[in-house]
Every structure is written in C-alpha cells, then in structure tokens.
Amino acid sequence: MSRGAPGGPRPPGASPLDVDEAVFDVVERIPPGRVSTYGAIGRLVGVGPRRVARALSQGGGAVPWHRVVRADGSVAEPVRVEQLGLLAAEGVPVRSGRVDLAAVAWP
C-alpha cells in the first residue's frame, strides 16, 4: 500500500496504523527546543487535532511527544509535570504554565 510522502496528507481510507505512523514521522522531525501543536501536525498529516492526540496517547512514547502542545500552548493535565519538565530541559520558554508558541512554534 502506498502511504504518500511522510508528513503529507493521508490517502482516503488510510488505515489507523498508517495515520499513527504519519503522526509519529512528523513529531520525530520537531527539533529540540521547538514545539508544535496538535492542529499543526494534523494539517500536515491530513487529520484533525484529536486524532493526533489519540495517536500520541496510545503509542507515541518512542517519539518526542512532549514537543506537542495545545493551540493555546497548554499541556494535558495527566502529563503536565513531566511534559513541562522535559520542555524546560530543552530550553522551551513557559509562562504561566503555557509554552510561548510565538517564540518556539514549529513548523
């Protein structure tokens, strides 16, 4: 089955595993010290932000999942402490519990 370009829109009817793999491919490209949003990744892959979140929550442990945040720069409560710690270790600016997207958004 042809998947299309990594990070490109998924062909109609792509399997859930293909979508997950496409999400992981994009997340792996986020450089240290930078972040992206679920929506931005979704646009690159051709899915909605909730689908990106689901892929990462179910199998994104092997990719830098911590570099993906909500559109307002906030992070999910269940992983808040760990995610903010990992981002801080990379020098990502956080103000009032939110990532400064204007400074570090990717792409």
PDB file of N, CA and C in Angstrom:
ATOM      1  N   MET A   1       0.844  -1.199   0.000  1.00  0.00           N
ATOM      2  CA  MET A   1       0.000   0.000   0.000  1.00  0.00           C
ATOM      3  C   MET A   1       0.873   1.241   0.000  1.00  0.00           C
ATOM      4  N   SER A   2       0.623   2.167  -0.843  1.00  0.00           N
ATOM      5  CA  SER A   2       1.363   3.422  -0.903  1.00  0.00           C
ATOM      6  C   SER A   2       0.851   4.375   0.156  1.00  0.00           C
ATOM      7  N   ARG A   3       1.772   4.924   0.930  1.00  0.00           N
ATOM      8  CA  ARG A   3       1.393   5.795   2.027  1.00  0.00           C
ATOM      9  C   ARG A   3       1.407   7.257   1.659  1.00  0.00           C
ATOM     10  N   GLY A   4       2.050   7.656   0.621  1.00  0.00           N
ATOM     11  CA  GLY A   4       2.224   9.074   0.351  1.00  0.00           C
ATOM     12  C   GLY A   4       3.493   9.556   1.037  1.00  0.00           C
ATOM     13  N   ALA A   5       3.795  10.820   0.887  1.00  0.00           N
ATOM     14  CA  ALA A   5       5.011  11.377   1.472  1.00  0.00           C
ATOM     15  C   ALA A   5       4.895  11.462   2.979  1.00  0.00           C
ATOM     16  N   PRO A   6       6.003  11.171   3.716  1.00  0.00           N
ATOM     17  CA  PRO A   6       5.947  11.328   5.164  1.00  0.00           C
ATOM     18  C   PRO A   6       5.539  12.752   5.517  1.00  0.00           C
ATOM     19  N   GLY A   7       4.584  12.858   6.406  1.00  0.00           N
ATOM     20  CA  GLY A   7       4.107  14.172   6.792  1.00  0.00           C
ATOM     21  C   GLY A   7       3.125  14.778   5.822  1.00  0.00           C
ATOM     22  N   GLY A   8       2.863  14.095   4.712  1.00  0.00           N
ATOM     23  CA  GLY A   8       1.900  14.596   3.749  1.00  0.00           C
ATOM     24  C   GLY A   8       0.513  14.090   4.073  1.00  0.00           C
ATOM     25  N   PRO A   9      -0.491  14.622   3.400  1.00  0.00           N
ATOM     26  CA  PRO A   9      -1.854  14.149   3.657  1.00  0.00           C
ATOM     27  C   PRO A   9      -1.993  12.656   3.393  1.00  0.00           C
ATOM     28  N   ARG A  10      -2.766  11.999   4.211  1.00  0.00           N
ATOM     29  CA  ARG A  10      -3.019  10.562   4.065  1.00  0.00           C
ATOM     30  C   ARG A  10      -3.996  10.332   2.931  1.00  0.00           C
ATOM     31  N   PRO A  11      -3.805   9.267   2.194  1.00  0.00           N
ATOM     32  CA  PRO A  11      -4.782   8.939   1.165  1.00  0.00           C
ATOM     33  C   PRO A  11      -6.115   8.579   1.807  1.00  0.00           C
ATOM     34  N   PRO A  12      -7.213   8.835   1.111  1.00  0.00           N
ATOM     35  CA  PRO A  12      -8.516   8.464   1.669  1.00  0.00           C
ATOM     36  C   PRO A  12      -8.536   6.988   2.024  1.00  0.00           C
ATOM     37  N   GLY A  13      -9.109   6.679   3.179  1.00  0.00           N
ATOM     38  CA  GLY A  13      -9.206   5.296   3.601  1.00  0.00           C
ATOM     39  C   GLY A  13      -7.933   4.746   4.212  1.00  0.00           C
ATOM     40  N   ALA A  14      -6.959   5.606   4.527  1.00  0.00           N
ATOM     41  CA  ALA A  14      -5.730   5.130   5.150  1.00  0.00           C
ATOM     42  C   ALA A  14      -6.060   4.448   6.464  1.00  0.00           C
ATOM     43  N   SER A  15      -5.357   3.362   6.742  1.00  0.00           N
ATOM     44  CA  SER A  15      -5.632   2.624   7.973  1.00  0.00           C
ATOM     45  C   SER A  15      -5.206   3.451   9.180  1.00  0.00           C
ATOM     46  N   PRO A  16      -5.800   3.168  10.344  1.00  0.00           N
ATOM     47  CA  PRO A  16      -5.411   3.886  11.566  1.00  0.00           C
ATOM     48  C   PRO A  16      -3.922   3.764  11.864  1.00  0.00           C
ATOM     49  N   LEU A  17      -3.334   2.617  11.574  1.00  0.00           N
ATOM     50  CA  LEU A  17      -1.905   2.455  11.822  1.00  0.00           C
ATOM     51  C   LEU A  17      -1.078   3.333  10.900  1.00  0.00           C
ATOM     52  N   ASP A  18      -1.522   3.507   9.652  1.00  0.00           N
ATOM     53  CA  ASP A  18      -0.831   4.410   8.731  1.00  0.00           C
ATOM     54  C   ASP A  18      -0.909   5.849   9.232  1.00  0.00           C
ATOM     55  N   VAL A  19      -2.059   6.236   9.749  1.00  0.00           N
ATOM     56  CA  VAL A  19      -2.218   7.589  10.286  1.00  0.00           C
ATOM     57  C   VAL A  19      -1.301   7.766  11.487  1.00  0.00           C
ATOM     58  N   ASP A  20      -1.293   6.800  12.392  1.00  0.00           N
ATOM     59  CA  ASP A  20      -0.412   6.886  13.555  1.00  0.00           C
ATOM     60  C   ASP A  20       1.041   7.046  13.112  1.00  0.00           C
ATOM     61  N   GLU A  21       1.464   6.227  12.159  1.00  0.00           N
ATOM     62  CA  GLU A  21       2.839   6.288  11.681  1.00  0.00           C
ATOM     63  C   GLU A  21       3.157   7.654  11.066  1.00  0.00           C
ATOM     64  N   ALA A  22       2.208   8.220  10.339  1.00  0.00           N
ATOM     65  CA  ALA A  22       2.408   9.549   9.748  1.00  0.00           C
ATOM     66  C   ALA A  22       2.557  10.602  10.844  1.00  0.00           C
ATOM     67  N   VAL A  23       1.745  10.513  11.890  1.00  0.00           N
ATOM     68  CA  VAL A  23       1.858  11.443  13.023  1.00  0.00           C
ATOM     69  C   VAL A  23       3.240  11.295  13.654  1.00  0.00           C
ATOM     70  N   PHE A  24       3.657  10.060  13.914  1.00  0.00           N
ATOM     71  CA  PHE A  24       4.962   9.838  14.540  1.00  0.00           C
ATOM     72  C   PHE A  24       6.088  10.366  13.660  1.00  0.00           C
ATOM     73  N   ASP A  25       5.978  10.198  12.343  1.00  0.00           N
ATOM     74  CA  ASP A  25       7.002  10.712  11.426  1.00  0.00           C
ATOM     75  C   ASP A  25       7.162  12.226  11.570  1.00  0.00           C
ATOM     76  N   VAL A  26       6.043  12.936  11.663  1.00  0.00           N
ATOM     77  CA  VAL A  26       6.104  14.392  11.785  1.00  0.00           C
ATOM     78  C   VAL A  26       6.657  14.785  13.150  1.00  0.00           C
ATOM     79  N   VAL A  27       6.185  14.151  14.204  1.00  0.00           N
ATOM     80  CA  VAL A  27       6.637  14.504  15.557  1.00  0.00           C
ATOM     81  C   VAL A  27       8.137  14.272  15.696  1.00  0.00           C
ATOM     82  N   GLU A  28       8.659  13.231  15.075  1.00  0.00           N
ATOM     83  CA  GLU A  28      10.095  12.966  15.133  1.00  0.00           C
ATOM     84  C   GLU A  28      10.920  14.086  14.497  1.00  0.00           C
ATOM     85  N   ARG A  29      10.319  14.864  13.611  1.00  0.00           N
ATOM     86  CA  ARG A  29      11.039  15.949  12.934  1.00  0.00           C
ATOM     87  C   ARG A  29      11.061  17.249  13.729  1.00  0.00           C
ATOM     88  N   ILE A  30      10.309  17.344  14.816  1.00  0.00           N
ATOM     89  CA  ILE A  30      10.307  18.572  15.621  1.00  0.00           C
ATOM     90  C   ILE A  30      11.664  18.665  16.329  1.00  0.00           C
ATOM     91  N   PRO A  31      12.418  19.731  16.083  1.00  0.00           N
ATOM     92  CA  PRO A  31      13.749  19.838  16.688  1.00  0.00           C
ATOM     93  C   PRO A  31      13.672  20.093  18.194  1.00  0.00           C
ATOM     94  N   PRO A  32      14.693  19.676  18.926  1.00  0.00           N
ATOM     95  CA  PRO A  32      14.755  20.006  20.357  1.00  0.00           C
ATOM     96  C   PRO A  32      14.647  21.519  20.555  1.00  0.00           C
ATOM     97  N   GLY A  33      13.933  21.914  21.582  1.00  0.00           N
ATOM     98  CA  GLY A  33      13.766  23.333  21.864  1.00  0.00           C
ATOM     99  C   GLY A  33      12.639  23.993  21.096  1.00  0.00           C
ATOM    100  N   ARG A  34      11.956  23.230  20.258  1.00  0.00           N
ATOM    101  CA  ARG A  34      10.827  23.745  19.491  1.00  0.00           C
ATOM    102  C   ARG A  34       9.600  22.901  19.815  1.00  0.00           C
ATOM    103  N   VAL A  35       8.420  23.426  19.541  1.00  0.00           N
ATOM    104  CA  VAL A  35       7.174  22.689  19.771  1.00  0.00           C
ATOM    105  C   VAL A  35       6.249  22.885  18.585  1.00  0.00           C
ATOM    106  N   SER A  36       5.289  21.987  18.486  1.00  0.00           N
ATOM    107  CA  SER A  36       4.233  22.118  17.505  1.00  0.00           C
ATOM    108  C   SER A  36       2.922  21.877  18.225  1.00  0.00           C
ATOM    109  N   THR A  37       1.833  22.124  17.523  1.00  0.00           N
ATOM    110  CA  THR A  37       0.519  21.906  18.114  1.00  0.00           C
ATOM    111  C   THR A  37      -0.138  20.688  17.462  1.00  0.00           C
ATOM    112  N   TYR A  38      -1.123  20.143  18.159  1.00  0.00           N
ATOM    113  CA  TYR A  38      -1.877  19.019  17.598  1.00  0.00           C
ATOM    114  C   TYR A  38      -2.482  19.414  16.248  1.00  0.00           C
ATOM    115  N   GLY A  39      -2.992  20.638  16.166  1.00  0.00           N
ATOM    116  CA  GLY A  39      -3.610  21.107  14.929  1.00  0.00           C
ATOM    117  C   GLY A  39      -2.621  21.247  13.790  1.00  0.00           C
ATOM    118  N   ALA A  40      -1.431  21.784  14.076  1.00  0.00           N
ATOM    119  CA  ALA A  40      -0.423  21.946  13.031  1.00  0.00           C
ATOM    120  C   ALA A  40       0.019  20.596  12.492  1.00  0.00           C
ATOM    121  N   ILE A  41       0.203  19.633  13.370  1.00  0.00           N
ATOM    122  CA  ILE A  41       0.583  18.296  12.931  1.00  0.00           C
ATOM    123  C   ILE A  41      -0.555  17.670  12.141  1.00  0.00           C
ATOM    124  N   GLY A  42      -1.773  17.859  12.625  1.00  0.00           N
ATOM    125  CA  GLY A  42      -2.936  17.334  11.914  1.00  0.00           C
ATOM    126  C   GLY A  42      -3.037  17.875  10.503  1.00  0.00           C
ATOM    127  N   ARG A  43      -2.766  19.173  10.328  1.00  0.00           N
ATOM    128  CA  ARG A  43      -2.812  19.755   8.984  1.00  0.00           C
ATOM    129  C   ARG A  43      -1.745  19.139   8.087  1.00  0.00           C
ATOM    130  N   LEU A  44      -0.568  18.869   8.619  1.00  0.00           N
ATOM    131  CA  LEU A  44       0.498  18.257   7.823  1.00  0.00           C
ATOM    132  C   LEU A  44       0.152  16.825   7.416  1.00  0.00           C
ATOM    133  N   VAL A  45      -0.556  16.128   8.286  1.00  0.00           N
ATOM    134  CA  VAL A  45      -0.870  14.720   8.055  1.00  0.00           C
ATOM    135  C   VAL A  45      -2.214  14.533   7.344  1.00  0.00           C
ATOM    136  N   GLY A  46      -3.110  15.506   7.512  1.00  0.00           N
ATOM    137  CA  GLY A  46      -4.426  15.406   6.888  1.00  0.00           C
ATOM    138  C   GLY A  46      -5.485  14.837   7.807  1.00  0.00           C
ATOM    139  N   VAL A  47      -5.319  15.049   9.124  1.00  0.00           N
ATOM    140  CA  VAL A  47      -6.303  14.599  10.106  1.00  0.00           C
ATOM    141  C   VAL A  47      -6.562  15.737  11.098  1.00  0.00           C
ATOM    142  N   GLY A  48      -7.540  15.549  11.958  1.00  0.00           N
ATOM    143  CA  GLY A  48      -7.849  16.550  12.963  1.00  0.00           C
ATOM    144  C   GLY A  48      -6.941  16.451  14.176  1.00  0.00           C
ATOM    145  N   PRO A  49      -6.915  17.502  14.986  1.00  0.00           N
ATOM    146  CA  PRO A  49      -6.031  17.518  16.161  1.00  0.00           C
ATOM    147  C   PRO A  49      -6.343  16.422  17.178  1.00  0.00           C
ATOM    148  N   ARG A  50      -7.594  16.057  17.318  1.00  0.00           N
ATOM    149  CA  ARG A  50      -7.922  14.983  18.273  1.00  0.00           C
ATOM    150  C   ARG A  50      -7.344  13.649  17.824  1.00  0.00           C
ATOM    151  N   ARG A  51      -7.280  13.435  16.516  1.00  0.00           N
ATOM    152  CA  ARG A  51      -6.695  12.196  16.003  1.00  0.00           C
ATOM    153  C   ARG A  51      -5.193  12.166  16.278  1.00  0.00           C
ATOM    154  N   VAL A  52      -4.546  13.323  16.192  1.00  0.00           N
ATOM    155  CA  VAL A  52      -3.121  13.417  16.524  1.00  0.00           C
ATOM    156  C   VAL A  52      -2.928  13.087  18.002  1.00  0.00           C
ATOM    157  N   ALA A  53      -3.746  13.667  18.863  1.00  0.00           N
ATOM    158  CA  ALA A  53      -3.643  13.418  20.299  1.00  0.00           C
ATOM    159  C   ALA A  53      -3.840  11.935  20.606  1.00  0.00           C
ATOM    160  N   ARG A  54      -4.798  11.322  19.938  1.00  0.00           N
ATOM    161  CA  ARG A  54      -5.054   9.899  20.180  1.00  0.00           C
ATOM    162  C   ARG A  54      -3.847   9.056  19.780  1.00  0.00           C
ATOM    163  N   ALA A  55      -3.259   9.353  18.632  1.00  0.00           N
ATOM    164  CA  ALA A  55      -2.080   8.593  18.197  1.00  0.00           C
ATOM    165  C   ALA A  55      -0.959   8.706  19.228  1.00  0.00           C
ATOM    166  N   LEU A  56      -0.710   9.908  19.702  1.00  0.00           N
ATOM    167  CA  LEU A  56       0.367  10.108  20.658  1.00  0.00           C
ATOM    168  C   LEU A  56       0.063   9.472  22.009  1.00  0.00           C
ATOM    169  N   SER A  57      -1.180   9.532  22.442  1.00  0.00           N
ATOM    170  CA  SER A  57      -1.515   8.970  23.751  1.00  0.00           C
ATOM    171  C   SER A  57      -1.495   7.449  23.735  1.00  0.00           C
ATOM    172  N   GLN A  58      -1.730   6.854  22.577  1.00  0.00           N
ATOM    173  CA  GLN A  58      -1.791   5.397  22.502  1.00  0.00           C
ATOM    174  C   GLN A  58      -0.482   4.735  22.091  1.00  0.00           C
ATOM    175  N   GLY A  59       0.436   5.499  21.536  1.00  0.00           N
ATOM    176  CA  GLY A  59       1.649   4.828  21.080  1.00  0.00           C
ATOM    177  C   GLY A  59       2.795   5.748  20.759  1.00  0.00           C
ATOM    178  N   GLY A  60       2.756   6.954  21.261  1.00  0.00           N
ATOM    179  CA  GLY A  60       3.782   7.926  20.909  1.00  0.00           C
ATOM    180  C   GLY A  60       4.957   7.992  21.861  1.00  0.00           C
ATOM    181  N   GLY A  61       5.106   6.985  22.726  1.00  0.00           N
ATOM    182  CA  GLY A  61       6.184   7.017  23.707  1.00  0.00           C
ATOM    183  C   GLY A  61       7.576   6.989  23.114  1.00  0.00           C
ATOM    184  N   ALA A  62       7.716   6.491  21.907  1.00  0.00           N
ATOM    185  CA  ALA A  62       9.032   6.389  21.284  1.00  0.00           C
ATOM    186  C   ALA A  62       9.421   7.647  20.513  1.00  0.00           C
ATOM    187  N   VAL A  63       8.518   8.620  20.420  1.00  0.00           N
ATOM    188  CA  VAL A  63       8.804   9.878  19.725  1.00  0.00           C
ATOM    189  C   VAL A  63       8.766  11.012  20.757  1.00  0.00           C
ATOM    190  N   PRO A  64       9.293  12.169  20.419  1.00  0.00           N
ATOM    191  CA  PRO A  64       9.302  13.283  21.379  1.00  0.00           C
ATOM    192  C   PRO A  64       7.913  13.915  21.545  1.00  0.00           C
ATOM    193  N   TRP A  65       6.986  13.153  22.074  1.00  0.00           N
ATOM    194  CA  TRP A  65       5.592  13.564  22.280  1.00  0.00           C
ATOM    195  C   TRP A  65       5.487  14.853  23.073  1.00  0.00           C
ATOM    196  N   HIS A  66       6.457  15.090  23.942  1.00  0.00           N
ATOM    197  CA  HIS A  66       6.413  16.273  24.809  1.00  0.00           C
ATOM    198  C   HIS A  66       6.536  17.573  24.027  1.00  0.00           C
ATOM    199  N   ARG A  67       6.938  17.512  22.768  1.00  0.00           N
ATOM    200  CA  ARG A  67       7.058  18.711  21.937  1.00  0.00           C
ATOM    201  C   ARG A  67       5.758  19.074  21.238  1.00  0.00           C
ATOM    202  N   VAL A  68       4.661  18.420  21.592  1.00  0.00           N
ATOM    203  CA  VAL A  68       3.352  18.701  21.004  1.00  0.00           C
ATOM    204  C   VAL A  68       2.435  19.226  22.105  1.00  0.00           C
ATOM    205  N   VAL A  69       1.872  20.421  21.859  1.00  0.00           N
ATOM    206  CA  VAL A  69       1.023  21.080  22.853  1.00  0.00           C
ATOM    207  C   VAL A  69      -0.289  21.526  22.205  1.00  0.00           C
ATOM    208  N   ARG A  70      -1.185  21.988  23.039  1.00  0.00           N
ATOM    209  CA  ARG A  70      -2.461  22.524  22.544  1.00  0.00           C
ATOM    210  C   ARG A  70      -2.230  23.857  21.835  1.00  0.00           C
ATOM    211  N   ALA A  71      -3.222  24.297  21.097  1.00  0.00           N
ATOM    212  CA  ALA A  71      -3.117  25.531  20.308  1.00  0.00           C
ATOM    213  C   ALA A  71      -2.855  26.761  21.172  1.00  0.00           C
ATOM    214  N   ASP A  72      -3.255  26.718  22.445  1.00  0.00           N
ATOM    215  CA  ASP A  72      -3.013  27.855  23.336  1.00  0.00           C
ATOM    216  C   ASP A  72      -1.706  27.718  24.115  1.00  0.00           C
ATOM    217  N   GLY A  73      -0.918  26.700  23.806  1.00  0.00           N
ATOM    218  CA  GLY A  73       0.368  26.499  24.462  1.00  0.00           C
ATOM    219  C   GLY A  73       0.284  25.689  25.748  1.00  0.00           C
ATOM    220  N   SER A  74      -0.909  25.281  26.130  1.00  0.00           N
ATOM    221  CA  SER A  74      -1.044  24.494  27.354  1.00  0.00           C
ATOM    222  C   SER A  74      -0.794  23.015  27.060  1.00  0.00           C
ATOM    223  N   VAL A  75      -0.637  22.257  28.141  1.00  0.00           N
ATOM    224  CA  VAL A  75      -0.395  20.825  28.030  1.00  0.00           C
ATOM    225  C   VAL A  75      -1.487  20.073  28.769  1.00  0.00           C
ATOM    226  N   ALA A  76      -1.611  18.783  28.466  1.00  0.00           N
ATOM    227  CA  ALA A  76      -2.647  17.957  29.087  1.00  0.00           C
ATOM    228  C   ALA A  76      -2.320  17.704  30.557  1.00  0.00           C
ATOM    229  N   GLU A  77      -3.310  17.789  31.395  1.00  0.00           N
ATOM    230  CA  GLU A  77      -3.117  17.639  32.840  1.00  0.00           C
ATOM    231  C   GLU A  77      -2.459  16.320  33.240  1.00  0.00           C
ATOM    232  N   PRO A  78      -2.840  15.181  32.668  1.00  0.00           N
ATOM    233  CA  PRO A  78      -2.226  13.928  33.135  1.00  0.00           C
ATOM    234  C   PRO A  78      -0.704  13.864  32.967  1.00  0.00           C
ATOM    235  N   VAL A  79      -0.156  14.621  32.014  1.00  0.00           N
ATOM    236  CA  VAL A  79       1.291  14.587  31.767  1.00  0.00           C
ATOM    237  C   VAL A  79       1.939  15.949  32.008  1.00  0.00           C
ATOM    238  N   ARG A  80       1.217  16.855  32.618  1.00  0.00           N
ATOM    239  CA  ARG A  80       1.657  18.240  32.787  1.00  0.00           C
ATOM    240  C   ARG A  80       3.057  18.370  33.381  1.00  0.00           C
ATOM    241  N   VAL A  81       3.287  17.776  34.534  1.00  0.00           N
ATOM    242  CA  VAL A  81       4.567  17.938  35.221  1.00  0.00           C
ATOM    243  C   VAL A  81       5.702  17.360  34.384  1.00  0.00           C
ATOM    244  N   GLU A  82       5.510  16.144  33.875  1.00  0.00           N
ATOM    245  CA  GLU A  82       6.551  15.505  33.069  1.00  0.00           C
ATOM    246  C   GLU A  82       6.826  16.297  31.797  1.00  0.00           C
ATOM    247  N   GLN A  83       5.753  16.704  31.094  1.00  0.00           N
ATOM    248  CA  GLN A  83       5.923  17.415  29.827  1.00  0.00           C
ATOM    249  C   GLN A  83       6.606  18.757  30.034  1.00  0.00           C
ATOM    250  N   LEU A  84       6.168  19.524  31.009  1.00  0.00           N
ATOM    251  CA  LEU A  84       6.797  20.830  31.250  1.00  0.00           C
ATOM    252  C   LEU A  84       8.255  20.674  31.678  1.00  0.00           C
ATOM    253  N   GLY A  85       8.551  19.620  32.424  1.00  0.00           N
ATOM    254  CA  GLY A  85       9.940  19.359  32.812  1.00  0.00           C
ATOM    255  C   GLY A  85      10.817  19.037  31.613  1.00  0.00           C
ATOM    256  N   LEU A  86      10.318  18.186  30.721  1.00  0.00           N
ATOM    257  CA  LEU A  86      11.072  17.841  29.515  1.00  0.00           C
ATOM    258  C   LEU A  86      11.280  19.065  28.620  1.00  0.00           C
ATOM    259  N   LEU A  87      10.252  19.880  28.492  1.00  0.00           N
ATOM    260  CA  LEU A  87      10.372  21.091  27.672  1.00  0.00           C
ATOM    261  C   LEU A  87      11.352  22.081  28.295  1.00  0.00           C
ATOM    262  N   ALA A  88      11.273  22.248  29.607  1.00  0.00           N
ATOM    263  CA  ALA A  88      12.201  23.158  30.303  1.00  0.00           C
ATOM    264  C   ALA A  88      13.638  22.702  30.103  1.00  0.00           C
ATOM    265  N   ALA A  89      13.877  21.385  30.129  1.00  0.00           N
ATOM    266  CA  ALA A  89      15.228  20.850  29.931  1.00  0.00           C
ATOM    267  C   ALA A  89      15.761  21.171  28.535  1.00  0.00           C
ATOM    268  N   GLU A  90      14.858  21.407  27.582  1.00  0.00           N
ATOM    269  CA  GLU A  90      15.259  21.770  26.223  1.00  0.00           C
ATOM    270  C   GLU A  90      15.306  23.283  26.021  1.00  0.00           C
ATOM    271  N   GLY A  91      15.009  24.044  27.083  1.00  0.00           N
ATOM    272  CA  GLY A  91      15.063  25.496  26.990  1.00  0.00           C
ATOM    273  C   GLY A  91      13.823  26.145  26.413  1.00  0.00           C
ATOM    274  N   VAL A  92      12.715  25.414  26.369  1.00  0.00           N
ATOM    275  CA  VAL A  92      11.470  25.962  25.829  1.00  0.00           C
ATOM    276  C   VAL A  92      10.881  26.940  26.845  1.00  0.00           C
ATOM    277  N   PRO A  93      10.614  28.181  26.439  1.00  0.00           N
ATOM    278  CA  PRO A  93      10.056  29.163  27.377  1.00  0.00           C
ATOM    279  C   PRO A  93       8.597  28.858  27.718  1.00  0.00           C
ATOM    280  N   VAL A  94       8.318  28.842  29.023  1.00  0.00           N
ATOM    281  CA  VAL A  94       6.970  28.593  29.524  1.00  0.00           C
ATOM    282  C   VAL A  94       6.609  29.754  30.452  1.00  0.00           C
ATOM    283  N   ARG A  95       5.425  30.308  30.221  1.00  0.00           N
ATOM    284  CA  ARG A  95       4.941  31.412  31.068  1.00  0.00           C
ATOM    285  C   ARG A  95       3.555  31.049  31.566  1.00  0.00           C
ATOM    286  N   SER A  96       3.381  31.101  32.862  1.00  0.00           N
ATOM    287  CA  SER A  96       2.086  30.778  33.474  1.00  0.00           C
ATOM    288  C   SER A  96       1.568  29.414  33.018  1.00  0.00           C
ATOM    289  N   GLY A  97       2.456  28.439  32.926  1.00  0.00           N
ATOM    290  CA  GLY A  97       2.069  27.088  32.565  1.00  0.00           C
ATOM    291  C   GLY A  97       1.791  26.859  31.094  1.00  0.00           C
ATOM    292  N   ARG A  98       2.102  27.840  30.250  1.00  0.00           N
ATOM    293  CA  ARG A  98       1.882  27.700  28.806  1.00  0.00           C
ATOM    294  C   ARG A  98       3.177  27.969  28.047  1.00  0.00           C
ATOM    295  N   VAL A  99       3.370  27.193  27.004  1.00  0.00           N
ATOM    296  CA  VAL A  99       4.537  27.386  26.143  1.00  0.00           C
ATOM    297  C   VAL A  99       4.361  28.668  25.348  1.00  0.00           C
ATOM    298  N   ASP A 100       5.427  29.432  25.220  1.00  0.00           N
ATOM    299  CA  ASP A 100       5.402  30.650  24.403  1.00  0.00           C
ATOM    300  C   ASP A 100       5.538  30.246  22.928  1.00  0.00           C
ATOM    301  N   LEU A 101       4.393  29.972  22.310  1.00  0.00           N
ATOM    302  CA  LEU A 101       4.404  29.492  20.926  1.00  0.00           C
ATOM    303  C   LEU A 101       5.012  30.489  19.960  1.00  0.00           C
ATOM    304  N   ALA A 102       4.844  31.776  20.232  1.00  0.00           N
ATOM    305  CA  ALA A 102       5.416  32.781  19.329  1.00  0.00           C
ATOM    306  C   ALA A 102       6.932  32.646  19.238  1.00  0.00           C
ATOM    307  N   ALA A 103       7.537  32.139  20.303  1.00  0.00           N
ATOM    308  CA  ALA A 103       8.997  32.027  20.325  1.00  0.00           C
ATOM    309  C   ALA A 103       9.520  30.705  19.773  1.00  0.00           C
ATOM    310  N   VAL A 104       8.735  29.624  19.890  1.00  0.00           N
ATOM    311  CA  VAL A 104       9.301  28.311  19.581  1.00  0.00           C
ATOM    312  C   VAL A 104       8.435  27.407  18.706  1.00  0.00           C
ATOM    313  N   ALA A 105       7.399  27.947  18.073  1.00  0.00           N
ATOM    314  CA  ALA A 105       6.499  27.107  17.262  1.00  0.00           C
ATOM    315  C   ALA A 105       7.217  26.552  16.050  1.00  0.00           C
ATOM    316  N   TRP A 106       6.892  25.307  15.722  1.00  0.00           N
ATOM    317  CA  TRP A 106       7.436  24.624  14.543  1.00  0.00           C
ATOM    318  C   TRP A 106       6.266  23.977  13.836  1.00  0.00           C
ATOM    319  N   PRO A 107       6.143  23.868  12.592  1.00  0.00           N
ATOM    320  CA  PRO A 107       6.993  24.452  11.573  1.00  0.00           C
ATOM    321  C   PRO A 107       6.660  25.913  11.370  1.00  0.00           C
TER     322      PRO A 107
END
